[in-house]
C-alpha atoms as a PDB file:
ATOM      1  CA  MET A   1       6.382  -2.457  38.438  1.00  0.00           C
ATOM      2  CA  THR A   2       5.825  -2.322  34.682  1.00  0.00           C
ATOM      3  CA  THR A   3       6.171  -5.038  32.071  1.00  0.00           C
ATOM      4  CA  PRO A   4       8.597  -4.432  29.186  1.00  0.00           C
ATOM      5  CA  LEU A   5       7.047  -4.402  25.702  1.00  0.00           C
ATOM      6  CA  HIS A   6       8.807  -7.190  23.795  1.00  0.00           C
ATOM      7  CA  SER A   7       6.000  -8.355  21.538  1.00  0.00           C
ATOM      8  CA  THR A   8       3.184  -6.698  19.614  1.00  0.00           C
ATOM      9  CA  LEU A   9       0.152  -5.675  21.650  1.00  0.00           C
ATOM     10  CA  LYS A  10      -3.160  -4.999  19.862  1.00  0.00           C
ATOM     11  CA  ARG A  11      -6.321  -3.542  21.360  1.00  0.00           C
ATOM     12  CA  ALA A  12      -9.720  -2.632  19.897  1.00  0.00           C
ATOM     13  CA  LEU A  13     -10.971   0.912  20.311  1.00  0.00           C
ATOM     14  CA  SER A  14     -14.224   2.623  19.359  1.00  0.00           C
ATOM     15  CA  ILE A  15     -14.273   6.384  18.713  1.00  0.00           C
ATOM     16  CA  ASP A  16     -17.478   8.120  17.603  1.00  0.00           C
ATOM     17  CA  GLY A  17     -18.993   4.812  16.529  1.00  0.00           C
ATOM     18  CA  ARG A  18     -16.001   3.838  14.376  1.00  0.00           C
ATOM     19  CA  ASP A  19     -13.857   0.822  15.245  1.00  0.00           C
ATOM     20  CA  TYR A  20     -10.073   1.160  15.359  1.00  0.00           C
ATOM     21  CA  VAL A  21      -7.167  -1.094  16.277  1.00  0.00           C
ATOM     22  CA  VAL A  22      -4.293   0.303  18.340  1.00  0.00           C
ATOM     23  CA  THR A  23      -1.033  -1.615  17.904  1.00  0.00           C
ATOM     24  CA  LEU A  24       1.902  -1.109  20.249  1.00  0.00           C
ATOM     25  CA  THR A  25       5.337  -2.398  19.247  1.00  0.00           C
ATOM     26  CA  GLU A  26       8.821  -1.786  20.601  1.00  0.00           C
ATOM     27  CA  THR A  27       9.379   0.876  17.943  1.00  0.00           C
ATOM     28  CA  ALA A  28       6.034   2.596  17.346  1.00  0.00           C
ATOM     29  CA  LEU A  29       2.358   3.119  18.056  1.00  0.00           C
ATOM     30  CA  LYS A  30       0.001   2.435  15.132  1.00  0.00           C
ATOM     31  CA  LEU A  31      -3.676   3.346  14.758  1.00  0.00           C
ATOM     32  CA  THR A  32      -5.730   1.771  11.948  1.00  0.00           C
ATOM     33  CA  LEU A  33      -9.363   1.410  11.016  1.00  0.00           C
ATOM     34  CA  LYS A  34     -10.573  -2.072  11.894  1.00  0.00           C
ATOM     35  CA  GLY A  35     -10.289  -4.373   8.898  1.00  0.00           C
ATOM     36  CA  LYS A  36      -7.692  -2.175   7.166  1.00  0.00           C
ATOM     37  CA  ARG A  37      -3.930  -2.581   6.951  1.00  0.00           C
ATOM     38  CA  ASN A  38      -2.707   0.961   6.495  1.00  0.00           C
ATOM     39  CA  GLY A  39      -2.980   3.503   9.245  1.00  0.00           C
ATOM     40  CA  VAL A  40      -1.067   6.126  11.158  1.00  0.00           C
ATOM     41  CA  GLU A  41       2.244   5.073  12.677  1.00  0.00           C
ATOM     42  CA  LEU A  42       4.116   7.219  15.192  1.00  0.00           C
ATOM     43  CA  PRO A  43       7.599   6.147  16.250  1.00  0.00           C
ATOM     44  CA  TRP A  44       8.187   6.374  19.994  1.00  0.00           C
ATOM     45  CA  ALA A  45      11.262   8.596  19.485  1.00  0.00           C
ATOM     46  CA  GLN A  46       9.168  11.273  17.748  1.00  0.00           C
ATOM     47  CA  LEU A  47       6.506  11.053  20.403  1.00  0.00           C
ATOM     48  CA  VAL A  48       9.015  11.485  23.251  1.00  0.00           C
ATOM     49  CA  ASN A  49      10.979  14.268  21.528  1.00  0.00           C
ATOM     50  CA  GLY A  50       7.815  16.288  20.919  1.00  0.00           C
ATOM     51  CA  GLU A  51       8.918  17.219  17.432  1.00  0.00           C
ATOM     52  CA  ALA A  52       6.845  19.774  15.565  1.00  0.00           C
ATOM     53  CA  ALA A  53       6.283  17.273  12.777  1.00  0.00           C
ATOM     54  CA  LEU A  54       4.274  15.176  15.211  1.00  0.00           C
ATOM     55  CA  ALA A  55       1.446  17.707  15.338  1.00  0.00           C
ATOM     56  CA  VAL A  56       1.409  17.920  11.558  1.00  0.00           C
ATOM     57  CA  ALA A  57       1.348  14.126  11.301  1.00  0.00           C
ATOM     58  CA  LEU A  58      -1.564  13.902  13.749  1.00  0.00           C
ATOM     59  CA  HIS A  59      -3.645  16.433  11.845  1.00  0.00           C
ATOM     60  CA  ALA A  60      -2.812  14.812   8.523  1.00  0.00           C
ATOM     61  CA  SER A  61      -3.764  11.416   9.901  1.00  0.00           C
ATOM     62  CA  LEU A  62      -7.187  12.649  10.940  1.00  0.00           C
ATOM     63  CA  GLY A  63      -7.689  13.870   7.398  1.00  0.00           C
ATOM     64  CA  ALA A  64      -6.518  10.519   6.051  1.00  0.00           C
ATOM     65  CA  PHE A  65      -9.210   8.644   7.970  1.00  0.00           C
ATOM     66  CA  ALA A  66     -11.840  11.144   6.796  1.00  0.00           C
ATOM     67  CA  ARG A  67     -10.753  10.652   3.166  1.00  0.00           C
ATOM     68  CA  GLN A  68     -10.978   6.878   3.579  1.00  0.00           C
ATOM     69  CA  ASP A  69     -14.573   7.183   4.800  1.00  0.00           C
ATOM     70  CA  LYS A  70     -15.605   9.349   1.872  1.00  0.00           C
ATOM     71  CA  ALA A  71     -13.949   6.973  -0.561  1.00  0.00           C
ATOM     72  CA  THR A  72     -15.776   3.946   0.829  1.00  0.00           C
ATOM     73  CA  ALA A  73     -19.111   5.654   1.492  1.00  0.00           C
ATOM     74  CA  GLU A  74     -19.592   7.511  -1.793  1.00  0.00           C
ATOM     75  CA  PRO A  75     -18.311   5.632  -4.822  1.00  0.00           C
ATOM     76  CA  GLN A  76     -17.416   7.979  -7.639  1.00  0.00           C
ATOM     77  CA  PRO A  77     -19.388   7.557 -10.863  1.00  0.00           C
ATOM     78  CA  ALA A  78     -17.244   5.935 -13.508  1.00  0.00           C
ATOM     79  CA  ALA A  79     -16.091   8.390 -16.125  1.00  0.00           C
ATOM     80  CA  LYS A  80     -16.514   7.321 -19.698  1.00  0.00           C
ATOM     81  CA  ALA A  81     -13.096   6.356 -20.867  1.00  0.00           C
ATOM     82  CA  LYS A  82     -12.224   6.686 -24.506  1.00  0.00           C
ATOM     83  CA  PRO A  83     -11.150   3.378 -25.956  1.00  0.00           C
ATOM     84  CA  LYS A  84      -7.460   3.364 -26.656  1.00  0.00           C
ATOM     85  CA  PRO A  85      -6.543   2.635 -30.266  1.00  0.00           C
ATOM     86  CA  LYS A  86      -4.738  -0.639 -30.552  1.00  0.00           C
ATOM     87  CA  ALA A  87      -1.146  -0.294 -31.594  1.00  0.00           C
ATOM     88  CA  LYS A  88      -0.429  -2.009 -34.867  1.00  0.00           C
ATOM     89  CA  SER A  89       2.450  -4.315 -34.383  1.00  0.00           C
ATOM     90  CA  LYS A  90       4.897  -4.965 -37.183  1.00  0.00           C
ATOM     91  CA  PRO A  91       5.555  -8.625 -37.951  1.00  0.00           C
ATOM     92  CA  LYS A  92       8.929  -9.760 -36.721  1.00  0.00           C
ATOM     93  CA  PRO A  93      11.338 -10.819 -39.454  1.00  0.00           C
ATOM     94  CA  LYS A  94      12.219 -14.492 -39.403  1.00  0.00           C
ATOM     95  CA  ALA A  95      15.752 -15.358 -38.426  1.00  0.00           C
ATOM     96  CA  LYS A  96      17.835 -16.465 -41.380  1.00  0.00           C
ATOM     97  CA  SER A  97      19.556 -19.779 -41.041  1.00  0.00           C
ATOM     98  CA  LYS A  98      23.314 -19.634 -41.436  1.00  0.00           C
ATOM     99  CA  ALA A  99      23.698 -23.412 -41.635  1.00  0.00           C
ATOM    100  CA  THR A 100      25.220 -24.826 -44.806  1.00  0.00           C
ATOM    101  CA  PRO A 101      23.513 -27.760 -46.517  1.00  0.00           C
ATOM    102  CA  ARG A 102      25.008 -31.181 -45.799  1.00  0.00           C
ATOM    103  CA  PRO A 103      26.365 -33.277 -48.642  1.00  0.00           C
ATOM    104  CA  ALA A 104      24.414 -36.413 -49.468  1.00  0.00           C
ATOM    105  CA  ARG A 105      25.578 -39.600 -47.737  1.00  0.00           C
ATOM    106  CA  LYS A 106      27.104 -42.383 -49.773  1.00  0.00           C
ATOM    107  CA  LYS A 107      25.731 -45.903 -49.428  1.00  0.00           C
END
């Protein structure tokens, strides 16, 4: 007898020395690098249907994890940015008062 999946189930996984987290929900399976939020999410319907897009998504996801490693392992040297010229702002005209002067009060 199997237990229905009503709540989120997370498990740690190590592949080739890299730590991942596998998350199972009622709607999808998600694989992320440990300590990261974004990962690869595959809805159960696509997995069961065996859609052709699934294979493309799997291959793309492997590339996504490889790109994340390169980005964190080798920081790019900062390119010298040209300073942007400051925009000269025109002074705002003061609002003219439309009020009429009051007559002097009598004592």
